[in-house]
Amino acid sequence: METVLEDYKKFNSYNEAYEVVKTAEVVGYDRNMYRVEVLKSFSNPNVPFSVRYLIQEHVMVQPTYPMTGDKFERKPEDMTVFVDIAGPWVAAQTAEDALSQALSFLAERAGHRA
């Protein structure tokens, strides 16, 4: 995949390209599941690795299709999804350094205990 993403501009449709090279999930003392995705940038050589922060949420989803008349044929469903959350910007030279920085930042949010 790396070779394909290195040539992302040949598609004439993309301004940036990233590859998720590492994913970590941690459970904080707040009992929330956090996910950190380490992204390798193919569009900015000055920032080789950055991160995306997510939190696991439980949601109720009402399928909107199919319908019979004005009634849904499927009942609402309980689902678990990961939702983007704001976190401090991380710019690192290695994937491990990016992950380390992100986990350090998340420790405060997740209820770091000494």
PDB file of N, CA and C in Angstrom:
ATOM      1  N   MET A   1       0.818  -1.186   0.000  1.00  0.00           N
ATOM      2  CA  MET A   1       0.000   0.000   0.000  1.00  0.00           C
ATOM      3  C   MET A   1       0.865   1.253   0.000  1.00  0.00           C
ATOM      4  N   GLU A   2       2.022   1.200   0.632  1.00  0.00           N
ATOM      5  CA  GLU A   2       2.866   2.387   0.731  1.00  0.00           C
ATOM      6  C   GLU A   2       3.200   2.949  -0.645  1.00  0.00           C
ATOM      7  N   THR A   3       3.521   2.101  -1.611  1.00  0.00           N
ATOM      8  CA  THR A   3       3.859   2.579  -2.945  1.00  0.00           C
ATOM      9  C   THR A   3       2.672   3.292  -3.588  1.00  0.00           C
ATOM     10  N   VAL A   4       1.493   2.753  -3.412  1.00  0.00           N
ATOM     11  CA  VAL A   4       0.289   3.377  -3.970  1.00  0.00           C
ATOM     12  C   VAL A   4       0.094   4.759  -3.359  1.00  0.00           C
ATOM     13  N   LEU A   5       0.240   4.871  -2.049  1.00  0.00           N
ATOM     14  CA  LEU A   5       0.026   6.153  -1.390  1.00  0.00           C
ATOM     15  C   LEU A   5       1.123   7.163  -1.698  1.00  0.00           C
ATOM     16  N   GLU A   6       2.334   6.696  -1.938  1.00  0.00           N
ATOM     17  CA  GLU A   6       3.404   7.620  -2.322  1.00  0.00           C
ATOM     18  C   GLU A   6       3.061   8.332  -3.626  1.00  0.00           C
ATOM     19  N   ASP A   7       2.294   7.675  -4.471  1.00  0.00           N
ATOM     20  CA  ASP A   7       1.906   8.233  -5.762  1.00  0.00           C
ATOM     21  C   ASP A   7       0.468   8.759  -5.761  1.00  0.00           C
ATOM     22  N   TYR A   8      -0.034   9.171  -4.599  1.00  0.00           N
ATOM     23  CA  TYR A   8      -1.439   9.567  -4.490  1.00  0.00           C
ATOM     24  C   TYR A   8      -1.824  10.717  -5.414  1.00  0.00           C
ATOM     25  N   LYS A   9      -0.885  11.573  -5.767  1.00  0.00           N
ATOM     26  CA  LYS A   9      -1.224  12.737  -6.604  1.00  0.00           C
ATOM     27  C   LYS A   9      -1.580  12.350  -8.042  1.00  0.00           C
ATOM     28  N   LYS A  10      -1.168  11.180  -8.472  1.00  0.00           N
ATOM     29  CA  LYS A  10      -1.482  10.782  -9.848  1.00  0.00           C
ATOM     30  C   LYS A  10      -2.979  10.604 -10.058  1.00  0.00           C
ATOM     31  N   PHE A  11      -3.742  10.467  -8.966  1.00  0.00           N
ATOM     32  CA  PHE A  11      -5.187  10.318  -9.081  1.00  0.00           C
ATOM     33  C   PHE A  11      -5.882  11.652  -9.340  1.00  0.00           C
ATOM     34  N   ASN A  12      -5.174  12.766  -9.192  1.00  0.00           N
ATOM     35  CA  ASN A  12      -5.713  14.107  -9.435  1.00  0.00           C
ATOM     36  C   ASN A  12      -6.972  14.417  -8.631  1.00  0.00           C
ATOM     37  N   SER A  13      -7.143  13.767  -7.495  1.00  0.00           N
ATOM     38  CA  SER A  13      -8.344  13.995  -6.691  1.00  0.00           C
ATOM     39  C   SER A  13      -8.038  14.193  -5.212  1.00  0.00           C
ATOM     40  N   TYR A  14      -6.796  13.953  -4.815  1.00  0.00           N
ATOM     41  CA  TYR A  14      -6.466  13.981  -3.397  1.00  0.00           C
ATOM     42  C   TYR A  14      -5.409  15.034  -3.105  1.00  0.00           C
ATOM     43  N   ASN A  15      -5.641  15.763  -2.029  1.00  0.00           N
ATOM     44  CA  ASN A  15      -4.707  16.794  -1.603  1.00  0.00           C
ATOM     45  C   ASN A  15      -3.701  16.258  -0.591  1.00  0.00           C
ATOM     46  N   GLU A  16      -4.122  15.258   0.181  1.00  0.00           N
ATOM     47  CA  GLU A  16      -3.282  14.665   1.206  1.00  0.00           C
ATOM     48  C   GLU A  16      -3.488  13.158   1.214  1.00  0.00           C
ATOM     49  N   ALA A  17      -2.494  12.428   1.763  1.00  0.00           N
ATOM     50  CA  ALA A  17      -2.623  10.982   1.885  1.00  0.00           C
ATOM     51  C   ALA A  17      -1.922  10.524   3.159  1.00  0.00           C
ATOM     52  N   TYR A  18      -2.579   9.597   3.869  1.00  0.00           N
ATOM     53  CA  TYR A  18      -2.052   9.060   5.115  1.00  0.00           C
ATOM     54  C   TYR A  18      -2.274   7.555   5.152  1.00  0.00           C
ATOM     55  N   GLU A  19      -1.417   6.872   5.871  1.00  0.00           N
ATOM     56  CA  GLU A  19      -1.598   5.452   6.128  1.00  0.00           C
ATOM     57  C   GLU A  19      -1.625   5.258   7.641  1.00  0.00           C
ATOM     58  N   VAL A  20      -2.599   4.492   8.128  1.00  0.00           N
ATOM     59  CA  VAL A  20      -2.621   4.152   9.545  1.00  0.00           C
ATOM     60  C   VAL A  20      -1.593   3.038   9.741  1.00  0.00           C
ATOM     61  N   VAL A  21      -0.505   3.371  10.433  1.00  0.00           N
ATOM     62  CA  VAL A  21       0.588   2.404  10.585  1.00  0.00           C
ATOM     63  C   VAL A  21       0.593   1.717  11.941  1.00  0.00           C
ATOM     64  N   LYS A  22      -0.164   2.261  12.880  1.00  0.00           N
ATOM     65  CA  LYS A  22      -0.214   1.673  14.217  1.00  0.00           C
ATOM     66  C   LYS A  22      -1.519   2.098  14.863  1.00  0.00           C
ATOM     67  N   THR A  23      -2.152   1.165  15.544  1.00  0.00           N
ATOM     68  CA  THR A  23      -3.378   1.450  16.278  1.00  0.00           C
ATOM     69  C   THR A  23      -3.227   0.892  17.680  1.00  0.00           C
ATOM     70  N   ALA A  24      -3.583   1.712  18.666  1.00  0.00           N
ATOM     71  CA  ALA A  24      -3.541   1.262  20.055  1.00  0.00           C
ATOM     72  C   ALA A  24      -4.870   1.584  20.708  1.00  0.00           C
ATOM     73  N   GLU A  25      -5.338   0.677  21.565  1.00  0.00           N
ATOM     74  CA  GLU A  25      -6.548   0.915  22.338  1.00  0.00           C
ATOM     75  C   GLU A  25      -6.205   0.772  23.812  1.00  0.00           C
ATOM     76  N   VAL A  26      -6.652   1.741  24.591  1.00  0.00           N
ATOM     77  CA  VAL A  26      -6.405   1.731  26.031  1.00  0.00           C
ATOM     78  C   VAL A  26      -7.703   2.062  26.756  1.00  0.00           C
ATOM     79  N   VAL A  27      -7.856   1.530  27.972  1.00  0.00           N
ATOM     80  CA  VAL A  27      -9.017   1.823  28.806  1.00  0.00           C
ATOM     81  C   VAL A  27      -8.527   2.678  29.961  1.00  0.00           C
ATOM     82  N   GLY A  28      -9.121   3.861  30.075  1.00  0.00           N
ATOM     83  CA  GLY A  28      -8.718   4.783  31.128  1.00  0.00           C
ATOM     84  C   GLY A  28      -9.380   4.461  32.451  1.00  0.00           C
ATOM     85  N   TYR A  29      -8.903   5.103  33.510  1.00  0.00           N
ATOM     86  CA  TYR A  29      -9.545   4.949  34.811  1.00  0.00           C
ATOM     87  C   TYR A  29     -10.976   5.486  34.779  1.00  0.00           C
ATOM     88  N   ASP A  30     -11.292   6.290  33.772  1.00  0.00           N
ATOM     89  CA  ASP A  30     -12.666   6.764  33.595  1.00  0.00           C
ATOM     90  C   ASP A  30     -13.551   5.703  32.943  1.00  0.00           C
ATOM     91  N   ARG A  31     -12.982   4.533  32.651  1.00  0.00           N
ATOM     92  CA  ARG A  31     -13.650   3.363  32.054  1.00  0.00           C
ATOM     93  C   ARG A  31     -14.016   3.554  30.590  1.00  0.00           C
ATOM     94  N   ASN A  32     -13.512   4.588  29.972  1.00  0.00           N
ATOM     95  CA  ASN A  32     -13.723   4.787  28.534  1.00  0.00           C
ATOM     96  C   ASN A  32     -12.638   4.071  27.747  1.00  0.00           C
ATOM     97  N   MET A  33     -13.031   3.534  26.593  1.00  0.00           N
ATOM     98  CA  MET A  33     -12.071   2.924  25.666  1.00  0.00           C
ATOM     99  C   MET A  33     -11.605   4.002  24.704  1.00  0.00           C
ATOM    100  N   TYR A  34     -10.297   4.221  24.650  1.00  0.00           N
ATOM    101  CA  TYR A  34      -9.706   5.194  23.747  1.00  0.00           C
ATOM    102  C   TYR A  34      -8.923   4.462  22.670  1.00  0.00           C
ATOM    103  N   ARG A  35      -8.934   5.026  21.481  1.00  0.00           N
ATOM    104  CA  ARG A  35      -8.137   4.492  20.377  1.00  0.00           C
ATOM    105  C   ARG A  35      -7.253   5.619  19.861  1.00  0.00           C
ATOM    106  N   VAL A  36      -6.002   5.272  19.605  1.00  0.00           N
ATOM    107  CA  VAL A  36      -5.071   6.204  18.987  1.00  0.00           C
ATOM    108  C   VAL A  36      -4.598   5.566  17.688  1.00  0.00           C
ATOM    109  N   GLU A  37      -4.769   6.288  16.596  1.00  0.00           N
ATOM    110  CA  GLU A  37      -4.265   5.826  15.302  1.00  0.00           C
ATOM    111  C   GLU A  37      -3.071   6.681  14.925  1.00  0.00           C
ATOM    112  N   VAL A  38      -1.965   6.034  14.654  1.00  0.00           N
ATOM    113  CA  VAL A  38      -0.761   6.744  14.225  1.00  0.00           C
ATOM    114  C   VAL A  38      -0.781   6.776  12.702  1.00  0.00           C
ATOM    115  N   LEU A  39      -0.686   7.986  12.151  1.00  0.00           N
ATOM    116  CA  LEU A  39      -0.783   8.193  10.714  1.00  0.00           C
ATOM    117  C   LEU A  39       0.569   8.560  10.120  1.00  0.00           C
ATOM    118  N   LYS A  40       0.944   7.868   9.076  1.00  0.00           N
ATOM    119  CA  LYS A  40       2.141   8.231   8.317  1.00  0.00           C
ATOM    120  C   LYS A  40       1.694   9.153   7.193  1.00  0.00           C
ATOM    121  N   SER A  41       2.328  10.317   7.111  1.00  0.00           N
ATOM    122  CA  SER A  41       1.950  11.299   6.093  1.00  0.00           C
ATOM    123  C   SER A  41       2.759  11.095   4.821  1.00  0.00           C
ATOM    124  N   PHE A  42       2.062  11.088   3.702  1.00  0.00           N
ATOM    125  CA  PHE A  42       2.729  11.036   2.401  1.00  0.00           C
ATOM    126  C   PHE A  42       2.698  12.410   1.730  1.00  0.00           C
ATOM    127  N   SER A  43       2.072  13.381   2.398  1.00  0.00           N
ATOM    128  CA  SER A  43       1.921  14.695   1.788  1.00  0.00           C
ATOM    129  C   SER A  43       2.736  15.786   2.462  1.00  0.00           C
ATOM    130  N   ASN A  44       3.234  15.551   3.663  1.00  0.00           N
ATOM    131  CA  ASN A  44       4.018  16.559   4.364  1.00  0.00           C
ATOM    132  C   ASN A  44       5.263  15.922   4.977  1.00  0.00           C
ATOM    133  N   PRO A  45       6.403  16.021   4.293  1.00  0.00           N
ATOM    134  CA  PRO A  45       7.628  15.394   4.806  1.00  0.00           C
ATOM    135  C   PRO A  45       8.123  16.021   6.108  1.00  0.00           C
ATOM    136  N   ASN A  46       7.646  17.225   6.455  1.00  0.00           N
ATOM    137  CA  ASN A  46       8.049  17.863   7.706  1.00  0.00           C
ATOM    138  C   ASN A  46       7.352  17.248   8.919  1.00  0.00           C
ATOM    139  N   VAL A  47       6.250  16.559   8.682  1.00  0.00           N
ATOM    140  CA  VAL A  47       5.512  15.890   9.755  1.00  0.00           C
ATOM    141  C   VAL A  47       5.304  14.433   9.327  1.00  0.00           C
ATOM    142  N   PRO A  48       6.320  13.593   9.520  1.00  0.00           N
ATOM    143  CA  PRO A  48       6.205  12.210   9.051  1.00  0.00           C
ATOM    144  C   PRO A  48       5.091  11.414   9.735  1.00  0.00           C
ATOM    145  N   PHE A  49       4.868  11.658  11.051  1.00  0.00           N
ATOM    146  CA  PHE A  49       3.852  10.897  11.778  1.00  0.00           C
ATOM    147  C   PHE A  49       3.009  11.832  12.643  1.00  0.00           C
ATOM    148  N   SER A  50       1.699  11.626  12.605  1.00  0.00           N
ATOM    149  CA  SER A  50       0.768  12.356  13.453  1.00  0.00           C
ATOM    150  C   SER A  50      -0.220  11.329  14.015  1.00  0.00           C
ATOM    151  N   VAL A  51      -1.213  11.799  14.778  1.00  0.00           N
ATOM    152  CA  VAL A  51      -2.158  10.862  15.384  1.00  0.00           C
ATOM    153  C   VAL A  51      -3.592  11.343  15.240  1.00  0.00           C
ATOM    154  N   ARG A  52      -4.489  10.401  15.383  1.00  0.00           N
ATOM    155  CA  ARG A  52      -5.927  10.682  15.462  1.00  0.00           C
ATOM    156  C   ARG A  52      -6.423  10.041  16.758  1.00  0.00           C
ATOM    157  N   TYR A  53      -7.214  10.796  17.509  1.00  0.00           N
ATOM    158  CA  TYR A  53      -7.764  10.310  18.776  1.00  0.00           C
ATOM    159  C   TYR A  53      -9.238   9.947  18.586  1.00  0.00           C
ATOM    160  N   LEU A  54      -9.649   8.825  19.177  1.00  0.00           N
ATOM    161  CA  LEU A  54     -11.046   8.409  19.122  1.00  0.00           C
ATOM    162  C   LEU A  54     -11.472   7.858  20.481  1.00  0.00           C
ATOM    163  N   ILE A  55     -12.774   7.887  20.741  1.00  0.00           N
ATOM    164  CA  ILE A  55     -13.336   7.313  21.958  1.00  0.00           C
ATOM    165  C   ILE A  55     -14.496   6.418  21.556  1.00  0.00           C
ATOM    166  N   GLN A  56     -14.657   5.320  22.279  1.00  0.00           N
ATOM    167  CA  GLN A  56     -15.745   4.386  21.980  1.00  0.00           C
ATOM    168  C   GLN A  56     -17.040   4.905  22.592  1.00  0.00           C
ATOM    169  N   GLU A  57     -18.088   4.916  21.782  1.00  0.00           N
ATOM    170  CA  GLU A  57     -19.412   5.368  22.221  1.00  0.00           C
ATOM    171  C   GLU A  57     -20.433   4.285  21.914  1.00  0.00           C
ATOM    172  N   HIS A  58     -21.441   4.185  22.764  1.00  0.00           N
ATOM    173  CA  HIS A  58     -22.562   3.280  22.522  1.00  0.00           C
ATOM    174  C   HIS A  58     -23.726   4.141  22.065  1.00  0.00           C
ATOM    175  N   VAL A  59     -24.288   3.806  20.917  1.00  0.00           N
ATOM    176  CA  VAL A  59     -25.362   4.613  20.340  1.00  0.00           C
ATOM    177  C   VAL A  59     -26.525   3.720  19.919  1.00  0.00           C
ATOM    178  N   MET A  60     -27.686   4.339  19.814  1.00  0.00           N
ATOM    179  CA  MET A  60     -28.874   3.662  19.298  1.00  0.00           C
ATOM    180  C   MET A  60     -29.096   4.187  17.882  1.00  0.00           C
ATOM    181  N   VAL A  61     -29.200   3.273  16.935  1.00  0.00           N
ATOM    182  CA  VAL A  61     -29.348   3.645  15.535  1.00  0.00           C
ATOM    183  C   VAL A  61     -30.704   3.166  15.032  1.00  0.00           C
ATOM    184  N   GLN A  62     -31.403   4.052  14.353  1.00  0.00           N
ATOM    185  CA  GLN A  62     -32.673   3.678  13.734  1.00  0.00           C
ATOM    186  C   GLN A  62     -32.439   3.520  12.237  1.00  0.00           C
ATOM    187  N   PRO A  63     -32.435   2.286  11.731  1.00  0.00           N
ATOM    188  CA  PRO A  63     -32.298   2.113  10.287  1.00  0.00           C
ATOM    189  C   PRO A  63     -33.417   2.840   9.544  1.00  0.00           C
ATOM    190  N   THR A  64     -33.079   3.527   8.484  1.00  0.00           N
ATOM    191  CA  THR A  64     -34.078   4.306   7.741  1.00  0.00           C
ATOM    192  C   THR A  64     -34.558   3.601   6.489  1.00  0.00           C
ATOM    193  N   TYR A  65     -34.071   2.403   6.280  1.00  0.00           N
ATOM    194  CA  TYR A  65     -34.476   1.645   5.100  1.00  0.00           C
ATOM    195  C   TYR A  65     -34.413   0.184   5.467  1.00  0.00           C
ATOM    196  N   PRO A  66     -35.271  -0.664   5.081  1.00  0.00           N
ATOM    197  CA  PRO A  66     -36.465  -0.401   4.274  1.00  0.00           C
ATOM    198  C   PRO A  66     -37.642   0.077   5.135  1.00  0.00           C
ATOM    199  N   MET A  67     -38.594   0.680   4.466  1.00  0.00           N
ATOM    200  CA  MET A  67     -39.829   1.138   5.109  1.00  0.00           C
ATOM    201  C   MET A  67     -41.017   0.528   4.384  1.00  0.00           C
ATOM    202  N   THR A  68     -42.060   0.258   5.140  1.00  0.00           N
ATOM    203  CA  THR A  68     -43.328  -0.163   4.565  1.00  0.00           C
ATOM    204  C   THR A  68     -44.343   0.877   5.001  1.00  0.00           C
ATOM    205  N   GLY A  69     -44.842   1.632   4.029  1.00  0.00           N
ATOM    206  CA  GLY A  69     -45.722   2.743   4.368  1.00  0.00           C
ATOM    207  C   GLY A  69     -44.914   3.786   5.122  1.00  0.00           C
ATOM    208  N   ASP A  70     -45.338   4.090   6.324  1.00  0.00           N
ATOM    209  CA  ASP A  70     -44.604   5.069   7.117  1.00  0.00           C
ATOM    210  C   ASP A  70     -43.907   4.414   8.312  1.00  0.00           C
ATOM    211  N   LYS A  71     -43.727   3.077   8.251  1.00  0.00           N
ATOM    212  CA  LYS A  71     -43.104   2.343   9.357  1.00  0.00           C
ATOM    213  C   LYS A  71     -41.795   1.706   8.918  1.00  0.00           C
ATOM    214  N   PHE A  72     -40.814   1.765   9.818  1.00  0.00           N
ATOM    215  CA  PHE A  72     -39.542   1.109   9.567  1.00  0.00           C
ATOM    216  C   PHE A  72     -39.704  -0.397   9.714  1.00  0.00           C
ATOM    217  N   GLU A  73     -39.067  -1.140   8.843  1.00  0.00           N
ATOM    218  CA  GLU A  73     -39.147  -2.598   8.927  1.00  0.00           C
ATOM    219  C   GLU A  73     -38.150  -3.152   9.942  1.00  0.00           C
ATOM    220  N   ARG A  74     -37.139  -2.368  10.267  1.00  0.00           N
ATOM    221  CA  ARG A  74     -36.139  -2.811  11.248  1.00  0.00           C
ATOM    222  C   ARG A  74     -36.256  -1.972  12.508  1.00  0.00           C
ATOM    223  N   LYS A  75     -36.045  -2.606  13.634  1.00  0.00           N
ATOM    224  CA  LYS A  75     -36.113  -1.918  14.915  1.00  0.00           C
ATOM    225  C   LYS A  75     -34.790  -1.187  15.165  1.00  0.00           C
ATOM    226  N   PRO A  76     -34.805  -0.204  16.071  1.00  0.00           N
ATOM    227  CA  PRO A  76     -33.554   0.453  16.454  1.00  0.00           C
ATOM    228  C   PRO A  76     -32.551  -0.577  16.968  1.00  0.00           C
ATOM    229  N   GLU A  77     -31.284  -0.318  16.689  1.00  0.00           N
ATOM    230  CA  GLU A  77     -30.223  -1.245  17.074  1.00  0.00           C
ATOM    231  C   GLU A  77     -29.191  -0.533  17.939  1.00  0.00           C
ATOM    232  N   ASP A  78     -28.692  -1.243  18.938  1.00  0.00           N
ATOM    233  CA  ASP A  78     -27.601  -0.765  19.778  1.00  0.00           C
ATOM    234  C   ASP A  78     -26.293  -1.010  19.034  1.00  0.00           C
ATOM    235  N   MET A  79     -25.456  -0.015  18.948  1.00  0.00           N
ATOM    236  CA  MET A  79     -24.181  -0.170  18.252  1.00  0.00           C
ATOM    237  C   MET A  79     -23.061   0.471  19.048  1.00  0.00           C
ATOM    238  N   THR A  80     -21.861  -0.008  18.810  1.00  0.00           N
ATOM    239  CA  THR A  80     -20.666   0.593  19.389  1.00  0.00           C
ATOM    240  C   THR A  80     -19.855   1.169  18.240  1.00  0.00           C
ATOM    241  N   VAL A  81     -19.474   2.439  18.370  1.00  0.00           N
ATOM    242  CA  VAL A  81     -18.701   3.117  17.328  1.00  0.00           C
ATOM    243  C   VAL A  81     -17.555   3.884  17.978  1.00  0.00           C
ATOM    244  N   PHE A  82     -16.524   4.161  17.196  1.00  0.00           N
ATOM    245  CA  PHE A  82     -15.456   5.036  17.643  1.00  0.00           C
ATOM    246  C   PHE A  82     -15.679   6.408  17.029  1.00  0.00           C
ATOM    247  N   VAL A  83     -15.622   7.434  17.864  1.00  0.00           N
ATOM    248  CA  VAL A  83     -15.902   8.803  17.460  1.00  0.00           C
ATOM    249  C   VAL A  83     -14.638   9.641  17.648  1.00  0.00           C
ATOM    250  N   ASP A  84     -14.337  10.490  16.662  1.00  0.00           N
ATOM    251  CA  ASP A  84     -13.190  11.396  16.786  1.00  0.00           C
ATOM    252  C   ASP A  84     -13.355  12.296  17.992  1.00  0.00           C
ATOM    253  N   ILE A  85     -12.263  12.522  18.702  1.00  0.00           N
ATOM    254  CA  ILE A  85     -12.242  13.497  19.789  1.00  0.00           C
ATOM    255  C   ILE A  85     -11.049  14.419  19.577  1.00  0.00           C
ATOM    256  N   ALA A  86     -11.158  15.613  20.127  1.00  0.00           N
ATOM    257  CA  ALA A  86     -10.053  16.567  20.025  1.00  0.00           C
ATOM    258  C   ALA A  86      -8.934  16.128  20.954  1.00  0.00           C
ATOM    259  N   GLY A  87      -7.742  16.295  20.484  1.00  0.00           N
ATOM    260  CA  GLY A  87      -6.566  15.994  21.290  1.00  0.00           C
ATOM    261  C   GLY A  87      -5.421  16.872  20.842  1.00  0.00           C
ATOM    262  N   PRO A  88      -4.399  16.978  21.648  1.00  0.00           N
ATOM    263  CA  PRO A  88      -3.246  17.803  21.273  1.00  0.00           C
ATOM    264  C   PRO A  88      -2.593  17.301  19.984  1.00  0.00           C
ATOM    265  N   TRP A  89      -2.136  18.231  19.180  1.00  0.00           N
ATOM    266  CA  TRP A  89      -1.453  17.914  17.928  1.00  0.00           C
ATOM    267  C   TRP A  89      -0.167  17.185  18.249  1.00  0.00           C
ATOM    268  N   VAL A  90       0.096  16.121  17.517  1.00  0.00           N
ATOM    269  CA  VAL A  90       1.331  15.359  17.644  1.00  0.00           C
ATOM    270  C   VAL A  90       2.006  15.353  16.289  1.00  0.00           C
ATOM    271  N   ALA A  91       3.278  15.707  16.287  1.00  0.00           N
ATOM    272  CA  ALA A  91       4.113  15.629  15.083  1.00  0.00           C
ATOM    273  C   ALA A  91       5.420  14.986  15.518  1.00  0.00           C
ATOM    274  N   ALA A  92       5.707  13.801  14.981  1.00  0.00           N
ATOM    275  CA  ALA A  92       6.882  13.052  15.428  1.00  0.00           C
ATOM    276  C   ALA A  92       7.639  12.477  14.240  1.00  0.00           C
ATOM    277  N   GLN A  93       8.877  12.108  14.495  1.00  0.00           N
ATOM    278  CA  GLN A  93       9.724  11.535  13.454  1.00  0.00           C
ATOM    279  C   GLN A  93       9.545  10.026  13.318  1.00  0.00           C
ATOM    280  N   THR A  94       9.011   9.378  14.374  1.00  0.00           N
ATOM    281  CA  THR A  94       8.766   7.933  14.306  1.00  0.00           C
ATOM    282  C   THR A  94       7.353   7.637  14.791  1.00  0.00           C
ATOM    283  N   ALA A  95       6.838   6.485  14.390  1.00  0.00           N
ATOM    284  CA  ALA A  95       5.510   6.063  14.822  1.00  0.00           C
ATOM    285  C   ALA A  95       5.479   5.838  16.335  1.00  0.00           C
ATOM    286  N   GLU A  96       6.535   5.265  16.882  1.00  0.00           N
ATOM    287  CA  GLU A  96       6.597   5.013  18.320  1.00  0.00           C
ATOM    288  C   GLU A  96       6.590   6.310  19.118  1.00  0.00           C
ATOM    289  N   ASP A  97       7.335   7.314  18.644  1.00  0.00           N
ATOM    290  CA  ASP A  97       7.342   8.612  19.333  1.00  0.00           C
ATOM    291  C   ASP A  97       5.960   9.261  19.283  1.00  0.00           C
ATOM    292  N   ALA A  98       5.286   9.159  18.152  1.00  0.00           N
ATOM    293  CA  ALA A  98       3.946   9.736  18.019  1.00  0.00           C
ATOM    294  C   ALA A  98       2.978   9.048  18.983  1.00  0.00           C
ATOM    295  N   LEU A  99       3.034   7.731  19.050  1.00  0.00           N
ATOM    296  CA  LEU A  99       2.160   6.983  19.948  1.00  0.00           C
ATOM    297  C   LEU A  99       2.457   7.319  21.409  1.00  0.00           C
ATOM    298  N   SER A 100       3.713   7.410  21.752  1.00  0.00           N
ATOM    299  CA  SER A 100       4.107   7.737  23.116  1.00  0.00           C
ATOM    300  C   SER A 100       3.573   9.105  23.534  1.00  0.00           C
ATOM    301  N   GLN A 101       3.718  10.092  22.664  1.00  0.00           N
ATOM    302  CA  GLN A 101       3.206  11.433  22.959  1.00  0.00           C
ATOM    303  C   GLN A 101       1.689  11.408  23.132  1.00  0.00           C
ATOM    304  N   ALA A 102       1.002  10.730  22.232  1.00  0.00           N
ATOM    305  CA  ALA A 102      -0.465  10.686  22.281  1.00  0.00           C
ATOM    306  C   ALA A 102      -0.952  10.013  23.555  1.00  0.00           C
ATOM    307  N   LEU A 103      -0.330   8.906  23.945  1.00  0.00           N
ATOM    308  CA  LEU A 103      -0.748   8.209  25.160  1.00  0.00           C
ATOM    309  C   LEU A 103      -0.489   9.064  26.392  1.00  0.00           C
ATOM    310  N   SER A 104       0.582   9.826  26.359  1.00  0.00           N
ATOM    311  CA  SER A 104       0.870  10.739  27.464  1.00  0.00           C
ATOM    312  C   SER A 104      -0.220  11.804  27.577  1.00  0.00           C
ATOM    313  N   PHE A 105      -0.628  12.362  26.443  1.00  0.00           N
ATOM    314  CA  PHE A 105      -1.692  13.362  26.448  1.00  0.00           C
ATOM    315  C   PHE A 105      -3.020  12.769  26.925  1.00  0.00           C
ATOM    316  N   LEU A 106      -3.318  11.547  26.475  1.00  0.00           N
ATOM    317  CA  LEU A 106      -4.578  10.910  26.842  1.00  0.00           C
ATOM    318  C   LEU A 106      -4.639  10.567  28.327  1.00  0.00           C
ATOM    319  N   ALA A 107      -3.480  10.359  28.948  1.00  0.00           N
ATOM    320  CA  ALA A 107      -3.453   9.979  30.360  1.00  0.00           C
ATOM    321  C   ALA A 107      -4.189  11.000  31.222  1.00  0.00           C
ATOM    322  N   GLU A 108      -4.037  12.267  30.909  1.00  0.00           N
ATOM    323  CA  GLU A 108      -4.727  13.296  31.677  1.00  0.00           C
ATOM    324  C   GLU A 108      -6.246  13.179  31.487  1.00  0.00           C
ATOM    325  N   ARG A 109      -6.679  13.015  30.263  1.00  0.00           N
ATOM    326  CA  ARG A 109      -8.111  12.925  29.975  1.00  0.00           C
ATOM    327  C   ARG A 109      -8.718  11.665  30.597  1.00  0.00           C
ATOM    328  N   ALA A 110      -7.980  10.571  30.578  1.00  0.00           N
ATOM    329  CA  ALA A 110      -8.498   9.285  31.024  1.00  0.00           C
ATOM    330  C   ALA A 110      -8.449   9.127  32.543  1.00  0.00           C
ATOM    331  N   GLY A 111      -7.998  10.142  33.258  1.00  0.00           N
ATOM    332  CA  GLY A 111      -8.011  10.075  34.718  1.00  0.00           C
ATOM    333  C   GLY A 111      -6.755   9.487  35.304  1.00  0.00           C
ATOM    334  N   HIS A 112      -5.615   9.963  34.856  1.00  0.00           N
ATOM    335  CA  HIS A 112      -4.311   9.490  35.348  1.00  0.00           C
ATOM    336  C   HIS A 112      -4.291   9.476  36.874  1.00  0.00           C
ATOM    337  N   ARG A 113      -3.879   8.345  37.419  1.00  0.00           N
ATOM    338  CA  ARG A 113      -3.718   8.227  38.872  1.00  0.00           C
ATOM    339  C   ARG A 113      -2.262   7.946  39.185  1.00  0.00           C
ATOM    340  N   ALA A 114      -1.754   8.584  40.188  1.00  0.00           N
ATOM    341  CA  ALA A 114      -0.354   8.380  40.584  1.00  0.00           C
ATOM    342  C   ALA A 114      -0.235   7.196  41.498  1.00  0.00           C
TER     343      ALA A 114
END
